[in-house]
Amino acid sequence: MRGVTLYFLLFLFFAVSCKKTSRPNNENEHEAINKVEFVFYQNGNLYRKFILEDPDGDGGAPPTRIDSIILQRASNYTAELFIKNISGGVEKDITALIRQQGTSHEFFYIPSGVNVTITKNDKDANNFPLGLNTTWTTGPAGQGSLLLKLMHKTGIKGPNDSPDKGHADIQINIPLKIL
């Protein structure tokens, strides 16, 4: 019995002492991303909002909401991207945190099957692209998809990176229609 107690105490000691501690300023640790909002403007006026929600985050159950992004052909839009965490019924906007850590993040917009040009308007502290604010120029009518990627690239971000450099914090396929 004494041996079992000793093993239990050793197990308890190692279990407690090996617990990972959180460091508030560690940019590799951040909130789970389970809601993404696109807000589109045309000629300075609100056009539409498109929302993607995945309450349990990456893996597990599929997203509960993925709005199709629907835009008019031969048009120009400005879009703002908002990144959120919903936990315990509380919605927390973490866009400012991503902007603050911009030198370690970059959004990529990869259209497929549809003619749209997406230009990143905002920059990080090193003057490299970020991608929270974009301009979208649509071509002819069509239907396809958009791959949205948020790449995490601490210490490796450059001015013209490929969408595969770093590791993905977000990687979502979104239906995209141009009418």
C-alpha atoms as a PDB file:
ATOM      1  CA  MET A   1       0.000   0.000   0.000  1.00  0.00           C
ATOM      2  CA  ARG A   2       2.861   2.355   0.849  1.00  0.00           C
ATOM      3  CA  GLY A   3       4.341   1.831  -2.673  1.00  0.00           C
ATOM      4  CA  VAL A   4       1.016   2.712  -4.310  1.00  0.00           C
ATOM      5  CA  THR A   5       0.795   5.899  -2.230  1.00  0.00           C
ATOM      6  CA  LEU A   6       4.351   6.866  -3.199  1.00  0.00           C
ATOM      7  CA  TYR A   7       3.627   6.336  -6.914  1.00  0.00           C
ATOM      8  CA  PHE A   8       0.414   8.343  -6.611  1.00  0.00           C
ATOM      9  CA  LEU A   9       2.250  11.239  -4.921  1.00  0.00           C
ATOM     10  CA  LEU A  10       5.008  11.164  -7.585  1.00  0.00           C
ATOM     11  CA  PHE A  11       2.372  11.139 -10.337  1.00  0.00           C
ATOM     12  CA  LEU A  12       0.568  14.064  -8.707  1.00  0.00           C
ATOM     13  CA  PHE A  13       3.838  16.012  -8.355  1.00  0.00           C
ATOM     14  CA  PHE A  14       4.746  15.560 -12.038  1.00  0.00           C
ATOM     15  CA  ALA A  15       1.210  16.243 -13.230  1.00  0.00           C
ATOM     16  CA  VAL A  16       1.127  19.567 -11.369  1.00  0.00           C
ATOM     17  CA  SER A  17       4.722  20.601 -12.074  1.00  0.00           C
ATOM     18  CA  CYS A  18       4.451  19.912 -15.834  1.00  0.00           C
ATOM     19  CA  LYS A  19       1.361  22.049 -16.244  1.00  0.00           C
ATOM     20  CA  LYS A  20       1.864  24.582 -19.041  1.00  0.00           C
ATOM     21  CA  THR A  21       1.588  28.134 -17.805  1.00  0.00           C
ATOM     22  CA  SER A  22       0.085  30.897 -19.885  1.00  0.00           C
ATOM     23  CA  ARG A  23       2.158  33.953 -20.684  1.00  0.00           C
ATOM     24  CA  PRO A  24      -0.052  36.965 -21.386  1.00  0.00           C
ATOM     25  CA  ASN A  25       2.343  38.534 -23.909  1.00  0.00           C
ATOM     26  CA  ASN A  26       3.110  35.342 -25.846  1.00  0.00           C
ATOM     27  CA  GLU A  27       1.825  35.992 -29.361  1.00  0.00           C
ATOM     28  CA  ASN A  28       1.705  32.268 -30.099  1.00  0.00           C
ATOM     29  CA  GLU A  29      -1.126  31.958 -27.589  1.00  0.00           C
ATOM     30  CA  HIS A  30      -4.408  33.588 -28.502  1.00  0.00           C
ATOM     31  CA  GLU A  31      -8.121  33.148 -28.261  1.00  0.00           C
ATOM     32  CA  ALA A  32      -9.840  30.452 -30.276  1.00  0.00           C
ATOM     33  CA  ILE A  33     -11.269  31.828 -33.496  1.00  0.00           C
ATOM     34  CA  ASN A  34     -14.814  30.626 -34.018  1.00  0.00           C
ATOM     35  CA  LYS A  35     -16.538  33.543 -35.763  1.00  0.00           C
ATOM     36  CA  VAL A  36     -15.473  35.551 -38.805  1.00  0.00           C
ATOM     37  CA  GLU A  37     -17.380  38.572 -40.110  1.00  0.00           C
ATOM     38  CA  PHE A  38     -16.906  40.267 -43.485  1.00  0.00           C
ATOM     39  CA  VAL A  39     -18.406  43.749 -43.730  1.00  0.00           C
ATOM     40  CA  PHE A  40     -18.569  45.021 -47.326  1.00  0.00           C
ATOM     41  CA  TYR A  41     -18.952  48.656 -48.352  1.00  0.00           C
ATOM     42  CA  GLN A  42     -19.726  50.030 -51.784  1.00  0.00           C
ATOM     43  CA  ASN A  43     -19.163  53.725 -52.474  1.00  0.00           C
ATOM     44  CA  GLY A  44     -18.698  54.278 -48.721  1.00  0.00           C
ATOM     45  CA  ASN A  45     -22.086  52.766 -47.841  1.00  0.00           C
ATOM     46  CA  LEU A  46     -22.709  49.465 -46.087  1.00  0.00           C
ATOM     47  CA  TYR A  47     -23.402  46.809 -48.720  1.00  0.00           C
ATOM     48  CA  ARG A  48     -23.741  43.574 -46.700  1.00  0.00           C
ATOM     49  CA  LYS A  49     -22.322  41.482 -43.872  1.00  0.00           C
ATOM     50  CA  PHE A  50     -21.343  37.852 -44.301  1.00  0.00           C
ATOM     51  CA  ILE A  51     -20.764  35.617 -41.266  1.00  0.00           C
ATOM     52  CA  LEU A  52     -19.027  32.307 -40.628  1.00  0.00           C
ATOM     53  CA  GLU A  53     -19.502  30.559 -37.273  1.00  0.00           C
ATOM     54  CA  ASP A  54     -17.963  27.394 -35.889  1.00  0.00           C
ATOM     55  CA  PRO A  55     -18.845  27.344 -32.173  1.00  0.00           C
ATOM     56  CA  ASP A  56     -16.579  24.417 -31.277  1.00  0.00           C
ATOM     57  CA  GLY A  57     -13.650  25.809 -33.277  1.00  0.00           C
ATOM     58  CA  ASP A  58     -11.337  23.857 -35.557  1.00  0.00           C
ATOM     59  CA  GLY A  59     -12.174  20.171 -35.780  1.00  0.00           C
ATOM     60  CA  GLY A  60     -15.161  18.577 -34.099  1.00  0.00           C
ATOM     61  CA  ALA A  61     -18.548  19.499 -35.535  1.00  0.00           C
ATOM     62  CA  PRO A  62     -18.768  21.324 -38.869  1.00  0.00           C
ATOM     63  CA  PRO A  63     -19.426  25.084 -38.896  1.00  0.00           C
ATOM     64  CA  THR A  64     -23.003  26.043 -38.020  1.00  0.00           C
ATOM     65  CA  ARG A  65     -23.068  29.007 -40.413  1.00  0.00           C
ATOM     66  CA  ILE A  66     -21.169  29.885 -43.573  1.00  0.00           C
ATOM     67  CA  ASP A  67     -22.838  32.691 -45.516  1.00  0.00           C
ATOM     68  CA  SER A  68     -22.135  32.763 -49.235  1.00  0.00           C
ATOM     69  CA  ILE A  69     -20.387  35.991 -50.192  1.00  0.00           C
ATOM     70  CA  ILE A  70     -22.585  37.496 -52.923  1.00  0.00           C
ATOM     71  CA  LEU A  71     -21.280  40.476 -54.918  1.00  0.00           C
ATOM     72  CA  GLN A  72     -22.350  42.276 -58.091  1.00  0.00           C
ATOM     73  CA  ARG A  73     -20.339  41.861 -61.299  1.00  0.00           C
ATOM     74  CA  ALA A  74     -18.018  44.623 -62.518  1.00  0.00           C
ATOM     75  CA  SER A  75     -18.092  46.332 -59.106  1.00  0.00           C
ATOM     76  CA  ASN A  76     -15.688  47.594 -56.463  1.00  0.00           C
ATOM     77  CA  TYR A  77     -16.010  46.976 -52.737  1.00  0.00           C
ATOM     78  CA  THR A  78     -14.047  47.720 -49.599  1.00  0.00           C
ATOM     79  CA  ALA A  79     -14.216  44.959 -46.999  1.00  0.00           C
ATOM     80  CA  GLU A  80     -13.352  44.892 -43.310  1.00  0.00           C
ATOM     81  CA  LEU A  81     -12.666  41.555 -41.654  1.00  0.00           C
ATOM     82  CA  PHE A  82     -13.515  40.982 -37.989  1.00  0.00           C
ATOM     83  CA  ILE A  83     -12.217  37.970 -36.072  1.00  0.00           C
ATOM     84  CA  LYS A  84     -14.071  36.868 -32.949  1.00  0.00           C
ATOM     85  CA  ASN A  85     -14.154  34.355 -30.148  1.00  0.00           C
ATOM     86  CA  ILE A  86     -17.459  33.275 -28.667  1.00  0.00           C
ATOM     87  CA  SER A  87     -17.194  31.461 -25.362  1.00  0.00           C
ATOM     88  CA  GLY A  88     -19.874  30.953 -22.749  1.00  0.00           C
ATOM     89  CA  GLY A  89     -22.279  33.156 -24.695  1.00  0.00           C
ATOM     90  CA  VAL A  90     -19.830  36.089 -24.659  1.00  0.00           C
ATOM     91  CA  GLU A  91     -18.539  37.418 -27.981  1.00  0.00           C
ATOM     92  CA  LYS A  92     -15.029  38.881 -27.863  1.00  0.00           C
ATOM     93  CA  ASP A  93     -13.591  40.752 -30.853  1.00  0.00           C
ATOM     94  CA  ILE A  94      -9.935  39.727 -31.242  1.00  0.00           C
ATOM     95  CA  THR A  95      -9.336  41.728 -34.441  1.00  0.00           C
ATOM     96  CA  ALA A  96      -7.327  44.376 -32.556  1.00  0.00           C
ATOM     97  CA  LEU A  97      -5.104  41.672 -31.054  1.00  0.00           C
ATOM     98  CA  ILE A  98      -4.357  40.272 -34.519  1.00  0.00           C
ATOM     99  CA  ARG A  99      -3.680  43.795 -35.802  1.00  0.00           C
ATOM    100  CA  GLN A 100      -1.358  44.423 -32.833  1.00  0.00           C
ATOM    101  CA  GLN A 101       0.474  41.176 -33.634  1.00  0.00           C
ATOM    102  CA  GLY A 102       0.427  41.970 -37.359  1.00  0.00           C
ATOM    103  CA  THR A 103       4.150  41.339 -37.816  1.00  0.00           C
ATOM    104  CA  SER A 104       3.358  37.671 -37.111  1.00  0.00           C
ATOM    105  CA  HIS A 105       0.114  37.364 -39.108  1.00  0.00           C
ATOM    106  CA  GLU A 106      -1.161  37.751 -42.661  1.00  0.00           C
ATOM    107  CA  PHE A 107      -4.537  37.037 -44.258  1.00  0.00           C
ATOM    108  CA  PHE A 108      -4.720  35.454 -47.693  1.00  0.00           C
ATOM    109  CA  TYR A 109      -7.716  35.456 -50.022  1.00  0.00           C
ATOM    110  CA  ILE A 110      -7.539  32.780 -52.715  1.00  0.00           C
ATOM    111  CA  PRO A 111     -10.488  32.773 -55.153  1.00  0.00           C
ATOM    112  CA  SER A 112     -11.301  29.714 -57.241  1.00  0.00           C
ATOM    113  CA  GLY A 113     -13.721  29.456 -60.179  1.00  0.00           C
ATOM    114  CA  VAL A 114     -14.654  33.135 -60.051  1.00  0.00           C
ATOM    115  CA  ASN A 115     -13.040  36.333 -61.321  1.00  0.00           C
ATOM    116  CA  VAL A 116     -12.295  38.692 -58.423  1.00  0.00           C
ATOM    117  CA  THR A 117      -9.168  40.647 -57.523  1.00  0.00           C
ATOM    118  CA  ILE A 118      -8.579  41.191 -53.811  1.00  0.00           C
ATOM    119  CA  THR A 119      -6.018  43.787 -52.699  1.00  0.00           C
ATOM    120  CA  LYS A 120      -4.795  44.142 -49.129  1.00  0.00           C
ATOM    121  CA  ASN A 121      -4.955  47.795 -48.023  1.00  0.00           C
ATOM    122  CA  ASP A 122      -3.457  47.623 -44.524  1.00  0.00           C
ATOM    123  CA  LYS A 123       0.094  47.001 -43.339  1.00  0.00           C
ATOM    124  CA  ASP A 124       1.792  45.775 -40.192  1.00  0.00           C
ATOM    125  CA  ALA A 125       4.444  47.704 -38.205  1.00  0.00           C
ATOM    126  CA  ASN A 126       7.121  46.547 -40.702  1.00  0.00           C
ATOM    127  CA  ASN A 127       5.056  47.841 -43.645  1.00  0.00           C
ATOM    128  CA  PHE A 128       4.212  44.281 -44.792  1.00  0.00           C
ATOM    129  CA  PRO A 129       0.655  43.331 -45.872  1.00  0.00           C
ATOM    130  CA  LEU A 130      -1.863  42.323 -43.213  1.00  0.00           C
ATOM    131  CA  GLY A 131      -5.256  41.884 -44.919  1.00  0.00           C
ATOM    132  CA  LEU A 132      -7.924  42.982 -42.431  1.00  0.00           C
ATOM    133  CA  ASN A 133      -8.920  45.786 -44.823  1.00  0.00           C
ATOM    134  CA  THR A 134      -9.210  44.869 -48.506  1.00  0.00           C
ATOM    135  CA  THR A 135     -10.508  46.117 -51.851  1.00  0.00           C
ATOM    136  CA  TRP A 136     -12.431  43.651 -54.016  1.00  0.00           C
ATOM    137  CA  THR A 137     -12.883  44.206 -57.754  1.00  0.00           C
ATOM    138  CA  THR A 138     -15.275  41.757 -59.394  1.00  0.00           C
ATOM    139  CA  GLY A 139     -15.268  40.543 -62.973  1.00  0.00           C
ATOM    140  CA  PRO A 140     -18.111  38.847 -64.855  1.00  0.00           C
ATOM    141  CA  ALA A 141     -20.849  36.801 -63.190  1.00  0.00           C
ATOM    142  CA  GLY A 142     -19.753  33.424 -61.869  1.00  0.00           C
ATOM    143  CA  GLN A 143     -19.811  31.060 -58.984  1.00  0.00           C
ATOM    144  CA  GLY A 144     -16.891  29.577 -57.093  1.00  0.00           C
ATOM    145  CA  SER A 145     -15.251  29.767 -53.700  1.00  0.00           C
ATOM    146  CA  LEU A 146     -12.810  31.769 -51.657  1.00  0.00           C
ATOM    147  CA  LEU A 147     -10.177  30.200 -49.447  1.00  0.00           C
ATOM    148  CA  LEU A 148      -9.572  32.491 -46.454  1.00  0.00           C
ATOM    149  CA  LYS A 149      -6.308  31.787 -44.641  1.00  0.00           C
ATOM    150  CA  LEU A 150      -4.842  33.512 -41.620  1.00  0.00           C
ATOM    151  CA  MET A 151      -1.207  32.501 -41.559  1.00  0.00           C
ATOM    152  CA  HIS A 152       0.810  32.731 -38.357  1.00  0.00           C
ATOM    153  CA  LYS A 153       4.468  33.499 -39.154  1.00  0.00           C
ATOM    154  CA  THR A 154       6.366  34.710 -36.128  1.00  0.00           C
ATOM    155  CA  GLY A 155       9.869  35.771 -37.149  1.00  0.00           C
ATOM    156  CA  ILE A 156       9.481  34.680 -40.787  1.00  0.00           C
ATOM    157  CA  LYS A 157       7.034  37.190 -42.330  1.00  0.00           C
ATOM    158  CA  GLY A 158       8.197  39.026 -45.435  1.00  0.00           C
ATOM    159  CA  PRO A 159       6.718  41.564 -47.877  1.00  0.00           C
ATOM    160  CA  ASN A 160       5.615  39.071 -50.592  1.00  0.00           C
ATOM    161  CA  ASP A 161       5.034  35.775 -48.809  1.00  0.00           C
ATOM    162  CA  SER A 162       3.299  32.772 -50.305  1.00  0.00           C
ATOM    163  CA  PRO A 163      -0.021  31.776 -48.700  1.00  0.00           C
ATOM    164  CA  ASP A 164       1.672  28.614 -47.437  1.00  0.00           C
ATOM    165  CA  LYS A 165       4.451  30.246 -45.410  1.00  0.00           C
ATOM    166  CA  GLY A 166       3.880  29.710 -41.673  1.00  0.00           C
ATOM    167  CA  HIS A 167       1.014  27.745 -40.147  1.00  0.00           C
ATOM    168  CA  ALA A 168      -2.706  28.373 -40.558  1.00  0.00           C
ATOM    169  CA  ASP A 169      -4.690  29.859 -37.665  1.00  0.00           C
ATOM    170  CA  ILE A 170      -7.734  29.920 -39.993  1.00  0.00           C
ATOM    171  CA  GLN A 171      -8.360  28.039 -43.226  1.00  0.00           C
ATOM    172  CA  ILE A 172     -11.962  28.245 -44.475  1.00  0.00           C
ATOM    173  CA  ASN A 173     -13.563  27.693 -47.884  1.00  0.00           C
ATOM    174  CA  ILE A 174     -16.395  30.158 -48.435  1.00  0.00           C
ATOM    175  CA  PRO A 175     -18.913  30.032 -51.290  1.00  0.00           C
ATOM    176  CA  LEU A 176     -18.472  33.122 -53.506  1.00  0.00           C
ATOM    177  CA  LYS A 177     -21.027  34.262 -56.087  1.00  0.00           C
ATOM    178  CA  ILE A 178     -20.807  37.154 -58.511  1.00  0.00           C
ATOM    179  CA  LEU A 179     -24.211  38.074 -59.964  1.00  0.00           C
END
